Amino acid sequence: MPGNKNEHSINERLELSMLYDFYGALLKENQRRIFEASVLEDFNFSEIAQYEGITRQGAYDTVKRAIKQLRGYEEKLGLIAKFEEQKKLVKKLRDKLSLADIPYADGRLDEIYRLLEKILEE
């Protein structure tokens, strides 16, 4: 069982953070707490175990189980995939709109661009 520091690559941390953003509320309270400490706050399993009053193996198992559950939720529900597809469509809309020869209409076009950018931020 490797130590937690640098256990997850940056890409995996991004994936896990996004999974947690979408599905974290579906985890049990202790899973959320331990997952957050490990993945989001980068505590090692020994630190988590000491704080939680469990074994290092228990902390490790809880994180692995939470990750498996989060990935299972995405596999079944696909909310992140849908979100990413919607972002692609909004970018495409923004790009097409910028290429269109639309006359300036009292700031309404600026408002449309602001709304599109706000959607892409989130």
PDB file of N, CA and C in Angstrom:
ATOM      1  N   MET A   1       0.862  -1.170   0.000  1.00  0.00           N
ATOM      2  CA  MET A   1       0.000   0.000   0.000  1.00  0.00           C
ATOM      3  C   MET A   1       0.908   1.232   0.000  1.00  0.00           C
ATOM      4  N   PRO A   2       0.916   1.981  -1.099  1.00  0.00           N
ATOM      5  CA  PRO A   2       1.796   3.133  -1.175  1.00  0.00           C
ATOM      6  C   PRO A   2       1.331   4.264  -0.275  1.00  0.00           C
ATOM      7  N   GLY A   3       2.269   5.151   0.083  1.00  0.00           N
ATOM      8  CA  GLY A   3       1.909   6.346   0.842  1.00  0.00           C
ATOM      9  C   GLY A   3       1.021   7.227  -0.014  1.00  0.00           C
ATOM     10  N   ASN A   4       0.287   8.105   0.609  1.00  0.00           N
ATOM     11  CA  ASN A   4      -0.675   8.903  -0.136  1.00  0.00           C
ATOM     12  C   ASN A   4      -0.036  10.044  -0.905  1.00  0.00           C
ATOM     13  N   LYS A   5       1.038  10.631  -0.394  1.00  0.00           N
ATOM     14  CA  LYS A   5       1.665  11.750  -1.078  1.00  0.00           C
ATOM     15  C   LYS A   5       2.064  11.303  -2.476  1.00  0.00           C
ATOM     16  N   ASN A   6       1.605  12.062  -3.468  1.00  0.00           N
ATOM     17  CA  ASN A   6       1.902  11.794  -4.870  1.00  0.00           C
ATOM     18  C   ASN A   6       1.371  10.459  -5.370  1.00  0.00           C
ATOM     19  N   GLU A   7       0.457   9.840  -4.632  1.00  0.00           N
ATOM     20  CA  GLU A   7      -0.087   8.556  -5.074  1.00  0.00           C
ATOM     21  C   GLU A   7      -0.926   8.728  -6.333  1.00  0.00           C
ATOM     22  N   HIS A   8      -1.655   9.821  -6.419  1.00  0.00           N
ATOM     23  CA  HIS A   8      -2.525  10.073  -7.560  1.00  0.00           C
ATOM     24  C   HIS A   8      -1.854  11.097  -8.474  1.00  0.00           C
ATOM     25  N   SER A   9      -1.885  10.824  -9.766  1.00  0.00           N
ATOM     26  CA  SER A   9      -1.352  11.788 -10.724  1.00  0.00           C
ATOM     27  C   SER A   9      -2.236  13.029 -10.733  1.00  0.00           C
ATOM     28  N   ILE A  10      -1.737  14.094 -11.317  1.00  0.00           N
ATOM     29  CA  ILE A  10      -2.520  15.327 -11.389  1.00  0.00           C
ATOM     30  C   ILE A  10      -3.812  15.087 -12.156  1.00  0.00           C
ATOM     31  N   ASN A  11      -3.730  14.372 -13.283  1.00  0.00           N
ATOM     32  CA  ASN A  11      -4.942  14.089 -14.060  1.00  0.00           C
ATOM     33  C   ASN A  11      -5.942  13.277 -13.253  1.00  0.00           C
ATOM     34  N   GLU A  12      -5.450  12.317 -12.490  1.00  0.00           N
ATOM     35  CA  GLU A  12      -6.358  11.510 -11.680  1.00  0.00           C
ATOM     36  C   GLU A  12      -6.977  12.358 -10.569  1.00  0.00           C
ATOM     37  N   ARG A  13      -6.198  13.252  -9.982  1.00  0.00           N
ATOM     38  CA  ARG A  13      -6.743  14.144  -8.949  1.00  0.00           C
ATOM     39  C   ARG A  13      -7.840  15.034  -9.523  1.00  0.00           C
ATOM     40  N   LEU A  14      -7.628  15.535 -10.749  1.00  0.00           N
ATOM     41  CA  LEU A  14      -8.662  16.344 -11.397  1.00  0.00           C
ATOM     42  C   LEU A  14      -9.921  15.516 -11.627  1.00  0.00           C
ATOM     43  N   GLU A  15      -9.731  14.287 -12.105  1.00  0.00           N
ATOM     44  CA  GLU A  15     -10.873  13.397 -12.331  1.00  0.00           C
ATOM     45  C   GLU A  15     -11.613  13.132 -11.018  1.00  0.00           C
ATOM     46  N   LEU A  16     -10.853  12.814  -9.972  1.00  0.00           N
ATOM     47  CA  LEU A  16     -11.473  12.498  -8.686  1.00  0.00           C
ATOM     48  C   LEU A  16     -12.162  13.715  -8.084  1.00  0.00           C
ATOM     49  N   SER A  17     -11.576  14.887  -8.251  1.00  0.00           N
ATOM     50  CA  SER A  17     -12.208  16.114  -7.755  1.00  0.00           C
ATOM     51  C   SER A  17     -13.534  16.369  -8.460  1.00  0.00           C
ATOM     52  N   MET A  18     -13.540  16.150  -9.768  1.00  0.00           N
ATOM     53  CA  MET A  18     -14.775  16.359 -10.516  1.00  0.00           C
ATOM     54  C   MET A  18     -15.821  15.315 -10.121  1.00  0.00           C
ATOM     55  N   LEU A  19     -15.403  14.073  -9.995  1.00  0.00           N
ATOM     56  CA  LEU A  19     -16.332  13.032  -9.540  1.00  0.00           C
ATOM     57  C   LEU A  19     -16.919  13.399  -8.181  1.00  0.00           C
ATOM     58  N   TYR A  20     -16.060  13.903  -7.310  1.00  0.00           N
ATOM     59  CA  TYR A  20     -16.516  14.280  -5.972  1.00  0.00           C
ATOM     60  C   TYR A  20     -17.483  15.454  -6.036  1.00  0.00           C
ATOM     61  N   ASP A  21     -17.193  16.432  -6.896  1.00  0.00           N
ATOM     62  CA  ASP A  21     -18.096  17.573  -7.053  1.00  0.00           C
ATOM     63  C   ASP A  21     -19.490  17.124  -7.476  1.00  0.00           C
ATOM     64  N   PHE A  22     -19.548  16.161  -8.370  1.00  0.00           N
ATOM     65  CA  PHE A  22     -20.837  15.709  -8.889  1.00  0.00           C
ATOM     66  C   PHE A  22     -21.532  14.701  -7.960  1.00  0.00           C
ATOM     67  N   TYR A  23     -20.764  13.811  -7.365  1.00  0.00           N
ATOM     68  CA  TYR A  23     -21.382  12.682  -6.655  1.00  0.00           C
ATOM     69  C   TYR A  23     -20.992  12.553  -5.182  1.00  0.00           C
ATOM     70  N   GLY A  24     -20.168  13.438  -4.677  1.00  0.00           N
ATOM     71  CA  GLY A  24     -19.683  13.316  -3.301  1.00  0.00           C
ATOM     72  C   GLY A  24     -20.792  13.233  -2.263  1.00  0.00           C
ATOM     73  N   ALA A  25     -21.876  13.938  -2.506  1.00  0.00           N
ATOM     74  CA  ALA A  25     -22.985  13.925  -1.541  1.00  0.00           C
ATOM     75  C   ALA A  25     -23.615  12.545  -1.406  1.00  0.00           C
ATOM     76  N   LEU A  26     -23.349  11.661  -2.351  1.00  0.00           N
ATOM     77  CA  LEU A  26     -23.909  10.309  -2.290  1.00  0.00           C
ATOM     78  C   LEU A  26     -23.083   9.365  -1.418  1.00  0.00           C
ATOM     79  N   LEU A  27     -21.883   9.796  -1.038  1.00  0.00           N
ATOM     80  CA  LEU A  27     -21.039   8.978  -0.164  1.00  0.00           C
ATOM     81  C   LEU A  27     -21.492   9.126   1.285  1.00  0.00           C
ATOM     82  N   LYS A  28     -21.146   8.126   2.086  1.00  0.00           N
ATOM     83  CA  LYS A  28     -21.419   8.216   3.529  1.00  0.00           C
ATOM     84  C   LYS A  28     -20.534   9.319   4.115  1.00  0.00           C
ATOM     85  N   GLU A  29     -20.967   9.875   5.221  1.00  0.00           N
ATOM     86  CA  GLU A  29     -20.241  10.992   5.857  1.00  0.00           C
ATOM     87  C   GLU A  29     -18.772  10.656   6.115  1.00  0.00           C
ATOM     88  N   ASN A  30     -18.502   9.479   6.679  1.00  0.00           N
ATOM     89  CA  ASN A  30     -17.106   9.134   6.972  1.00  0.00           C
ATOM     90  C   ASN A  30     -16.300   8.952   5.679  1.00  0.00           C
ATOM     91  N   GLN A  31     -16.923   8.446   4.621  1.00  0.00           N
ATOM     92  CA  GLN A  31     -16.231   8.325   3.336  1.00  0.00           C
ATOM     93  C   GLN A  31     -15.891   9.707   2.784  1.00  0.00           C
ATOM     94  N   ARG A  32     -16.842  10.637   2.880  1.00  0.00           N
ATOM     95  CA  ARG A  32     -16.588  12.006   2.399  1.00  0.00           C
ATOM     96  C   ARG A  32     -15.420  12.630   3.146  1.00  0.00           C
ATOM     97  N   ARG A  33     -15.446  12.501   4.453  1.00  0.00           N
ATOM     98  CA  ARG A  33     -14.408  13.109   5.292  1.00  0.00           C
ATOM     99  C   ARG A  33     -13.034  12.533   4.967  1.00  0.00           C
ATOM    100  N   ILE A  34     -12.955  11.225   4.851  1.00  0.00           N
ATOM    101  CA  ILE A  34     -11.672  10.565   4.603  1.00  0.00           C
ATOM    102  C   ILE A  34     -11.213  10.806   3.166  1.00  0.00           C
ATOM    103  N   PHE A  35     -12.140  10.764   2.206  1.00  0.00           N
ATOM    104  CA  PHE A  35     -11.808  11.056   0.813  1.00  0.00           C
ATOM    105  C   PHE A  35     -11.263  12.477   0.690  1.00  0.00           C
ATOM    106  N   GLU A  36     -11.962  13.435   1.289  1.00  0.00           N
ATOM    107  CA  GLU A  36     -11.515  14.833   1.233  1.00  0.00           C
ATOM    108  C   GLU A  36     -10.112  14.984   1.808  1.00  0.00           C
ATOM    109  N   ALA A  37      -9.882  14.359   2.958  1.00  0.00           N
ATOM    110  CA  ALA A  37      -8.566  14.468   3.590  1.00  0.00           C
ATOM    111  C   ALA A  37      -7.474  13.877   2.692  1.00  0.00           C
ATOM    112  N   SER A  38      -7.751  12.746   2.097  1.00  0.00           N
ATOM    113  CA  SER A  38      -6.755  12.062   1.275  1.00  0.00           C
ATOM    114  C   SER A  38      -6.553  12.718  -0.085  1.00  0.00           C
ATOM    115  N   VAL A  39      -7.618  12.854  -0.824  1.00  0.00           N
ATOM    116  CA  VAL A  39      -7.511  13.277  -2.224  1.00  0.00           C
ATOM    117  C   VAL A  39      -7.477  14.798  -2.364  1.00  0.00           C
ATOM    118  N   LEU A  40      -8.341  15.487  -1.644  1.00  0.00           N
ATOM    119  CA  LEU A  40      -8.443  16.931  -1.822  1.00  0.00           C
ATOM    120  C   LEU A  40      -7.449  17.711  -0.963  1.00  0.00           C
ATOM    121  N   GLU A  41      -7.155  17.201   0.241  1.00  0.00           N
ATOM    122  CA  GLU A  41      -6.262  17.919   1.148  1.00  0.00           C
ATOM    123  C   GLU A  41      -4.871  17.294   1.221  1.00  0.00           C
ATOM    124  N   ASP A  42      -4.688  16.133   0.590  1.00  0.00           N
ATOM    125  CA  ASP A  42      -3.381  15.472   0.464  1.00  0.00           C
ATOM    126  C   ASP A  42      -2.763  15.014   1.779  1.00  0.00           C
ATOM    127  N   PHE A  43      -3.605  14.611   2.730  1.00  0.00           N
ATOM    128  CA  PHE A  43      -3.078  13.988   3.944  1.00  0.00           C
ATOM    129  C   PHE A  43      -2.713  12.547   3.614  1.00  0.00           C
ATOM    130  N   ASN A  44      -1.687  12.013   4.276  1.00  0.00           N
ATOM    131  CA  ASN A  44      -1.360  10.611   4.031  1.00  0.00           C
ATOM    132  C   ASN A  44      -2.243   9.726   4.900  1.00  0.00           C
ATOM    133  N   PHE A  45      -2.239   8.444   4.615  1.00  0.00           N
ATOM    134  CA  PHE A  45      -3.144   7.517   5.296  1.00  0.00           C
ATOM    135  C   PHE A  45      -2.853   7.407   6.790  1.00  0.00           C
ATOM    136  N   SER A  46      -1.603   7.529   7.174  1.00  0.00           N
ATOM    137  CA  SER A  46      -1.260   7.486   8.597  1.00  0.00           C
ATOM    138  C   SER A  46      -1.855   8.680   9.336  1.00  0.00           C
ATOM    139  N   GLU A  47      -1.770   9.861   8.730  1.00  0.00           N
ATOM    140  CA  GLU A  47      -2.348  11.062   9.341  1.00  0.00           C
ATOM    141  C   GLU A  47      -3.861  10.927   9.472  1.00  0.00           C
ATOM    142  N   ILE A  48      -4.493  10.440   8.421  1.00  0.00           N
ATOM    143  CA  ILE A  48      -5.947  10.264   8.438  1.00  0.00           C
ATOM    144  C   ILE A  48      -6.338   9.243   9.507  1.00  0.00           C
ATOM    145  N   ALA A  49      -5.609   8.138   9.539  1.00  0.00           N
ATOM    146  CA  ALA A  49      -5.905   7.075  10.510  1.00  0.00           C
ATOM    147  C   ALA A  49      -5.814   7.605  11.937  1.00  0.00           C
ATOM    148  N   GLN A  50      -4.777   8.359  12.215  1.00  0.00           N
ATOM    149  CA  GLN A  50      -4.610   8.909  13.557  1.00  0.00           C
ATOM    150  C   GLN A  50      -5.765   9.844  13.904  1.00  0.00           C
ATOM    151  N   TYR A  51      -6.120  10.724  12.999  1.00  0.00           N
ATOM    152  CA  TYR A  51      -7.196  11.684  13.237  1.00  0.00           C
ATOM    153  C   TYR A  51      -8.547  10.988  13.390  1.00  0.00           C
ATOM    154  N   GLU A  52      -8.804   9.983  12.558  1.00  0.00           N
ATOM    155  CA  GLU A  52     -10.098   9.290  12.553  1.00  0.00           C
ATOM    156  C   GLU A  52     -10.195   8.187  13.598  1.00  0.00           C
ATOM    157  N   GLY A  53      -9.058   7.810  14.176  1.00  0.00           N
ATOM    158  CA  GLY A  53      -9.064   6.729  15.155  1.00  0.00           C
ATOM    159  C   GLY A  53      -9.277   5.368  14.512  1.00  0.00           C
ATOM    160  N   ILE A  54      -8.718   5.198  13.308  1.00  0.00           N
ATOM    161  CA  ILE A  54      -8.807   3.919  12.593  1.00  0.00           C
ATOM    162  C   ILE A  54      -7.397   3.506  12.186  1.00  0.00           C
ATOM    163  N   THR A  55      -7.305   2.348  11.550  1.00  0.00           N
ATOM    164  CA  THR A  55      -5.998   1.899  11.079  1.00  0.00           C
ATOM    165  C   THR A  55      -5.652   2.576   9.748  1.00  0.00           C
ATOM    166  N   ARG A  56      -4.384   2.533   9.436  1.00  0.00           N
ATOM    167  CA  ARG A  56      -3.920   3.069   8.150  1.00  0.00           C
ATOM    168  C   ARG A  56      -4.593   2.299   7.013  1.00  0.00           C
ATOM    169  N   GLN A  57      -4.692   0.980   7.175  1.00  0.00           N
ATOM    170  CA  GLN A  57      -5.354   0.140   6.177  1.00  0.00           C
ATOM    171  C   GLN A  57      -6.824   0.521   6.041  1.00  0.00           C
ATOM    172  N   GLY A  58      -7.469   0.850   7.153  1.00  0.00           N
ATOM    173  CA  GLY A  58      -8.873   1.264   7.125  1.00  0.00           C
ATOM    174  C   GLY A  58      -9.050   2.557   6.347  1.00  0.00           C
ATOM    175  N   ALA A  59      -8.125   3.497   6.522  1.00  0.00           N
ATOM    176  CA  ALA A  59      -8.182   4.759   5.781  1.00  0.00           C
ATOM    177  C   ALA A  59      -7.990   4.499   4.287  1.00  0.00           C
ATOM    178  N   TYR A  60      -7.010   3.682   3.975  1.00  0.00           N
ATOM    179  CA  TYR A  60      -6.721   3.325   2.578  1.00  0.00           C
ATOM    180  C   TYR A  60      -7.940   2.662   1.932  1.00  0.00           C
ATOM    181  N   ASP A  61      -8.516   1.673   2.617  1.00  0.00           N
ATOM    182  CA  ASP A  61      -9.673   0.952   2.088  1.00  0.00           C
ATOM    183  C   ASP A  61     -10.873   1.879   1.884  1.00  0.00           C
ATOM    184  N   THR A  62     -11.079   2.799   2.812  1.00  0.00           N
ATOM    185  CA  THR A  62     -12.200   3.738   2.695  1.00  0.00           C
ATOM    186  C   THR A  62     -12.046   4.613   1.466  1.00  0.00           C
ATOM    187  N   VAL A  63     -10.847   5.113   1.224  1.00  0.00           N
ATOM    188  CA  VAL A  63     -10.601   5.960   0.040  1.00  0.00           C
ATOM    189  C   VAL A  63     -10.801   5.151  -1.234  1.00  0.00           C
ATOM    190  N   LYS A  64     -10.239   3.959  -1.279  1.00  0.00           N
ATOM    191  CA  LYS A  64     -10.382   3.128  -2.482  1.00  0.00           C
ATOM    192  C   LYS A  64     -11.842   2.778  -2.748  1.00  0.00           C
ATOM    193  N   ARG A  65     -12.590   2.482  -1.707  1.00  0.00           N
ATOM    194  CA  ARG A  65     -14.013   2.161  -1.845  1.00  0.00           C
ATOM    195  C   ARG A  65     -14.792   3.392  -2.337  1.00  0.00           C
ATOM    196  N   ALA A  66     -14.466   4.563  -1.797  1.00  0.00           N
ATOM    197  CA  ALA A  66     -15.135   5.802  -2.223  1.00  0.00           C
ATOM    198  C   ALA A  66     -14.853   6.091  -3.690  1.00  0.00           C
ATOM    199  N   ILE A  67     -13.604   5.912  -4.107  1.00  0.00           N
ATOM    200  CA  ILE A  67     -13.240   6.140  -5.511  1.00  0.00           C
ATOM    201  C   ILE A  67     -14.012   5.190  -6.416  1.00  0.00           C
ATOM    202  N   LYS A  68     -14.092   3.937  -6.017  1.00  0.00           N
ATOM    203  CA  LYS A  68     -14.830   2.949  -6.806  1.00  0.00           C
ATOM    204  C   LYS A  68     -16.307   3.339  -6.915  1.00  0.00           C
ATOM    205  N   GLN A  69     -16.885   3.798  -5.818  1.00  0.00           N
ATOM    206  CA  GLN A  69     -18.294   4.207  -5.832  1.00  0.00           C
ATOM    207  C   GLN A  69     -18.495   5.420  -6.740  1.00  0.00           C
ATOM    208  N   LEU A  70     -17.620   6.423  -6.620  1.00  0.00           N
ATOM    209  CA  LEU A  70     -17.753   7.630  -7.435  1.00  0.00           C
ATOM    210  C   LEU A  70     -17.669   7.288  -8.923  1.00  0.00           C
ATOM    211  N   ARG A  71     -16.723   6.441  -9.284  1.00  0.00           N
ATOM    212  CA  ARG A  71     -16.597   6.033 -10.693  1.00  0.00           C
ATOM    213  C   ARG A  71     -17.815   5.228 -11.136  1.00  0.00           C
ATOM    214  N   GLY A  72     -18.354   4.427 -10.236  1.00  0.00           N
ATOM    215  CA  GLY A  72     -19.557   3.664 -10.551  1.00  0.00           C
ATOM    216  C   GLY A  72     -20.760   4.567 -10.792  1.00  0.00           C
ATOM    217  N   TYR A  73     -20.881   5.626  -9.998  1.00  0.00           N
ATOM    218  CA  TYR A  73     -21.968   6.577 -10.211  1.00  0.00           C
ATOM    219  C   TYR A  73     -21.860   7.217 -11.587  1.00  0.00           C
ATOM    220  N   GLU A  74     -20.651   7.618 -11.956  1.00  0.00           N
ATOM    221  CA  GLU A  74     -20.481   8.250 -13.271  1.00  0.00           C
ATOM    222  C   GLU A  74     -20.780   7.252 -14.384  1.00  0.00           C
ATOM    223  N   GLU A  75     -20.352   6.012 -14.203  1.00  0.00           N
ATOM    224  CA  GLU A  75     -20.617   4.986 -15.216  1.00  0.00           C
ATOM    225  C   GLU A  75     -22.127   4.805 -15.417  1.00  0.00           C
ATOM    226  N   LYS A  76     -22.869   4.833 -14.335  1.00  0.00           N
ATOM    227  CA  LYS A  76     -24.318   4.616 -14.423  1.00  0.00           C
ATOM    228  C   LYS A  76     -25.083   5.876 -14.834  1.00  0.00           C
ATOM    229  N   LEU A  77     -24.688   7.032 -14.302  1.00  0.00           N
ATOM    230  CA  LEU A  77     -25.455   8.257 -14.509  1.00  0.00           C
ATOM    231  C   LEU A  77     -24.899   9.154 -15.617  1.00  0.00           C
ATOM    232  N   GLY A  78     -23.594   9.146 -15.792  1.00  0.00           N
ATOM    233  CA  GLY A  78     -22.967   9.898 -16.874  1.00  0.00           C
ATOM    234  C   GLY A  78     -23.117  11.407 -16.796  1.00  0.00           C
ATOM    235  N   LEU A  79     -23.265  11.963 -15.604  1.00  0.00           N
ATOM    236  CA  LEU A  79     -23.471  13.406 -15.483  1.00  0.00           C
ATOM    237  C   LEU A  79     -22.257  14.214 -15.929  1.00  0.00           C
ATOM    238  N   ILE A  80     -21.076  13.727 -15.633  1.00  0.00           N
ATOM    239  CA  ILE A  80     -19.863  14.454 -16.034  1.00  0.00           C
ATOM    240  C   ILE A  80     -19.721  14.421 -17.551  1.00  0.00           C
ATOM    241  N   ALA A  81     -19.969  13.277 -18.151  1.00  0.00           N
ATOM    242  CA  ALA A  81     -19.889  13.170 -19.613  1.00  0.00           C
ATOM    243  C   ALA A  81     -20.891  14.129 -20.267  1.00  0.00           C
ATOM    244  N   LYS A  82     -22.093  14.204 -19.732  1.00  0.00           N
ATOM    245  CA  LYS A  82     -23.099  15.129 -20.262  1.00  0.00           C
ATOM    246  C   LYS A  82     -22.653  16.574 -20.079  1.00  0.00           C
ATOM    247  N   PHE A  83     -22.100  16.886 -18.936  1.00  0.00           N
ATOM    248  CA  PHE A  83     -21.600  18.226 -18.646  1.00  0.00           C
ATOM    249  C   PHE A  83     -20.497  18.614 -19.635  1.00  0.00           C
ATOM    250  N   GLU A  84     -19.558  17.708 -19.866  1.00  0.00           N
ATOM    251  CA  GLU A  84     -18.454  17.984 -20.800  1.00  0.00           C
ATOM    252  C   GLU A  84     -18.987  18.175 -22.217  1.00  0.00           C
ATOM    253  N   GLU A  85     -19.959  17.406 -22.607  1.00  0.00           N
ATOM    254  CA  GLU A  85     -20.562  17.550 -23.941  1.00  0.00           C
ATOM    255  C   GLU A  85     -21.263  18.898 -24.067  1.00  0.00           C
ATOM    256  N   GLN A  86     -21.955  19.307 -23.029  1.00  0.00           N
ATOM    257  CA  GLN A  86     -22.620  20.614 -23.056  1.00  0.00           C
ATOM    258  C   GLN A  86     -21.604  21.746 -23.157  1.00  0.00           C
ATOM    259  N   LYS A  87     -20.481  21.611 -22.450  1.00  0.00           N
ATOM    260  CA  LYS A  87     -19.431  22.629 -22.554  1.00  0.00           C
ATOM    261  C   LYS A  87     -18.899  22.721 -23.978  1.00  0.00           C
ATOM    262  N   LYS A  88     -18.712  21.585 -24.630  1.00  0.00           N
ATOM    263  CA  LYS A  88     -18.247  21.584 -26.024  1.00  0.00           C
ATOM    264  C   LYS A  88     -19.251  22.299 -26.921  1.00  0.00           C
ATOM    265  N   LEU A  89     -20.531  22.033 -26.707  1.00  0.00           N
ATOM    266  CA  LEU A  89     -21.565  22.675 -27.510  1.00  0.00           C
ATOM    267  C   LEU A  89     -21.602  24.187 -27.285  1.00  0.00           C
ATOM    268  N   VAL A  90     -21.439  24.615 -26.051  1.00  0.00           N
ATOM    269  CA  VAL A  90     -21.433  26.047 -25.750  1.00  0.00           C
ATOM    270  C   VAL A  90     -20.221  26.708 -26.405  1.00  0.00           C
ATOM    271  N   LYS A  91     -19.059  26.062 -26.356  1.00  0.00           N
ATOM    272  CA  LYS A  91     -17.866  26.606 -27.023  1.00  0.00           C
ATOM    273  C   LYS A  91     -18.095  26.723 -28.527  1.00  0.00           C
ATOM    274  N   LYS A  92     -18.701  25.693 -29.078  1.00  0.00           N
ATOM    275  CA  LYS A  92     -19.000  25.715 -30.514  1.00  0.00           C
ATOM    276  C   LYS A  92     -19.960  26.861 -30.842  1.00  0.00           C
ATOM    277  N   LEU A  93     -20.973  27.046 -30.028  1.00  0.00           N
ATOM    278  CA  LEU A  93     -21.924  28.134 -30.210  1.00  0.00           C
ATOM    279  C   LEU A  93     -21.214  29.487 -30.137  1.00  0.00           C
ATOM    280  N   ARG A  94     -20.358  29.645 -29.137  1.00  0.00           N
ATOM    281  CA  ARG A  94     -19.605  30.891 -28.990  1.00  0.00           C
ATOM    282  C   ARG A  94     -18.741  31.155 -30.217  1.00  0.00           C
ATOM    283  N   ASP A  95     -18.053  30.116 -30.692  1.00  0.00           N
ATOM    284  CA  ASP A  95     -17.176  30.260 -31.860  1.00  0.00           C
ATOM    285  C   ASP A  95     -17.973  30.595 -33.119  1.00  0.00           C
ATOM    286  N   LYS A  96     -19.089  29.926 -33.312  1.00  0.00           N
ATOM    287  CA  LYS A  96     -19.938  30.196 -34.484  1.00  0.00           C
ATOM    288  C   LYS A  96     -20.502  31.613 -34.419  1.00  0.00           C
ATOM    289  N   LEU A  97     -20.901  32.023 -33.240  1.00  0.00           N
ATOM    290  CA  LEU A  97     -21.448  33.358 -33.063  1.00  0.00           C
ATOM    291  C   LEU A  97     -20.394  34.425 -33.369  1.00  0.00           C
ATOM    292  N   SER A  98     -19.162  34.167 -32.967  1.00  0.00           N
ATOM    293  CA  SER A  98     -18.107  35.150 -33.222  1.00  0.00           C
ATOM    294  C   SER A  98     -17.797  35.274 -34.711  1.00  0.00           C
ATOM    295  N   LEU A  99     -18.058  34.219 -35.480  1.00  0.00           N
ATOM    296  CA  LEU A  99     -17.808  34.243 -36.917  1.00  0.00           C
ATOM    297  C   LEU A  99     -18.990  34.809 -37.705  1.00  0.00           C
ATOM    298  N   ALA A 100     -20.148  34.874 -37.077  1.00  0.00           N
ATOM    299  CA  ALA A 100     -21.345  35.366 -37.764  1.00  0.00           C
ATOM    300  C   ALA A 100     -21.259  36.879 -37.935  1.00  0.00           C
ATOM    301  N   ASP A 101     -21.789  37.340 -39.021  1.00  0.00           N
ATOM    302  CA  ASP A 101     -21.789  38.779 -39.305  1.00  0.00           C
ATOM    303  C   ASP A 101     -23.068  39.380 -38.728  1.00  0.00           C
ATOM    304  N   ILE A 102     -23.030  39.605 -37.405  1.00  0.00           N
ATOM    305  CA  ILE A 102     -24.207  40.123 -36.716  1.00  0.00           C
ATOM    306  C   ILE A 102     -23.912  41.562 -36.309  1.00  0.00           C
ATOM    307  N   PRO A 103     -24.771  42.478 -36.709  1.00  0.00           N
ATOM    308  CA  PRO A 103     -24.534  43.874 -36.317  1.00  0.00           C
ATOM    309  C   PRO A 103     -24.688  44.054 -34.811  1.00  0.00           C
ATOM    310  N   TYR A 104     -23.931  44.986 -34.281  1.00  0.00           N
ATOM    311  CA  TYR A 104     -23.997  45.298 -32.856  1.00  0.00           C
ATOM    312  C   TYR A 104     -25.403  45.753 -32.493  1.00  0.00           C
ATOM    313  N   ALA A 105     -25.994  45.173 -31.464  1.00  0.00           N
ATOM    314  CA  ALA A 105     -27.400  45.455 -31.136  1.00  0.00           C
ATOM    315  C   ALA A 105     -27.527  45.929 -29.688  1.00  0.00           C
ATOM    316  N   ASP A 106     -27.138  47.159 -29.430  1.00  0.00           N
ATOM    317  CA  ASP A 106     -27.330  47.781 -28.111  1.00  0.00           C
ATOM    318  C   ASP A 106     -26.760  46.944 -26.957  1.00  0.00           C
ATOM    319  N   GLY A 107     -25.647  46.313 -27.149  1.00  0.00           N
ATOM    320  CA  GLY A 107     -25.028  45.544 -26.075  1.00  0.00           C
ATOM    321  C   GLY A 107     -25.597  44.164 -25.871  1.00  0.00           C
ATOM    322  N   ARG A 108     -26.615  43.799 -26.621  1.00  0.00           N
ATOM    323  CA  ARG A 108     -27.216  42.466 -26.437  1.00  0.00           C
ATOM    324  C   ARG A 108     -26.240  41.365 -26.821  1.00  0.00           C
ATOM    325  N   LEU A 109     -25.457  41.607 -27.860  1.00  0.00           N
ATOM    326  CA  LEU A 109     -24.465  40.606 -28.269  1.00  0.00           C
ATOM    327  C   LEU A 109     -23.401  40.445 -27.179  1.00  0.00           C
ATOM    328  N   ASP A 110     -22.985  41.557 -26.576  1.00  0.00           N
ATOM    329  CA  ASP A 110     -22.025  41.483 -25.462  1.00  0.00           C
ATOM    330  C   ASP A 110     -22.602  40.663 -24.316  1.00  0.00           C
ATOM    331  N   GLU A 111     -23.879  40.857 -24.050  1.00  0.00           N
ATOM    332  CA  GLU A 111     -24.533  40.104 -22.972  1.00  0.00           C
ATOM    333  C   GLU A 111     -24.562  38.611 -23.294  1.00  0.00           C
ATOM    334  N   ILE A 112     -24.799  38.279 -24.543  1.00  0.00           N
ATOM    335  CA  ILE A 112     -24.789  36.867 -24.956  1.00  0.00           C
ATOM    336  C   ILE A 112     -23.405  36.270 -24.734  1.00  0.00           C
ATOM    337  N   TYR A 113     -22.355  36.987 -25.131  1.00  0.00           N
ATOM    338  CA  TYR A 113     -20.988  36.505 -24.916  1.00  0.00           C
ATOM    339  C   TYR A 113     -20.690  36.350 -23.427  1.00  0.00           C
ATOM    340  N   ARG A 114     -21.119  37.300 -22.603  1.00  0.00           N
ATOM    341  CA  ARG A 114     -20.903  37.204 -21.155  1.00  0.00           C
ATOM    342  C   ARG A 114     -21.596  35.962 -20.588  1.00  0.00           C
ATOM    343  N   LEU A 115     -22.798  35.714 -21.040  1.00  0.00           N
ATOM    344  CA  LEU A 115     -23.523  34.530 -20.568  1.00  0.00           C
ATOM    345  C   LEU A 115     -22.828  33.243 -20.992  1.00  0.00           C
ATOM    346  N   LEU A 116     -22.377  33.194 -22.224  1.00  0.00           N
ATOM    347  CA  LEU A 116     -21.664  32.007 -22.701  1.00  0.00           C
ATOM    348  C   LEU A 116     -20.382  31.787 -21.907  1.00  0.00           C
ATOM    349  N   GLU A 117     -19.636  32.854 -21.667  1.00  0.00           N
ATOM    350  CA  GLU A 117     -18.389  32.723 -20.888  1.00  0.00           C
ATOM    351  C   GLU A 117     -18.677  32.295 -19.461  1.00  0.00           C
ATOM    352  N   LYS A 118     -19.769  32.788 -18.893  1.00  0.00           N
ATOM    353  CA  LYS A 118     -20.140  32.392 -17.523  1.00  0.00           C
ATOM    354  C   LYS A 118     -20.454  30.901 -17.478  1.00  0.00           C
ATOM    355  N   ILE A 119     -21.147  30.408 -18.476  1.00  0.00           N
ATOM    356  CA  ILE A 119     -21.444  28.970 -18.545  1.00  0.00           C
ATOM    357  C   ILE A 119     -20.143  28.177 -18.635  1.00  0.00           C
ATOM    358  N   LEU A 120     -19.197  28.638 -19.420  1.00  0.00           N
ATOM    359  CA  LEU A 120     -17.950  27.914 -19.615  1.00  0.00           C
ATOM    360  C   LEU A 120     -17.053  27.951 -18.372  1.00  0.00           C
ATOM    361  N   GLU A 121     -17.207  28.965 -17.534  1.00  0.00           N
ATOM    362  CA  GLU A 121     -16.424  29.052 -16.290  1.00  0.00           C
ATOM    363  C   GLU A 121     -16.801  27.959 -15.313  1.00  0.00           C
ATOM    364  N   GLU A 122     -18.048  27.611 -15.277  1.00  0.00           N
ATOM    365  CA  GLU A 122     -18.559  26.715 -14.234  1.00  0.00           C
ATOM    366  C   GLU A 122     -18.408  25.280 -14.565  1.00  0.00           C
TER     367      GLU A 122
END
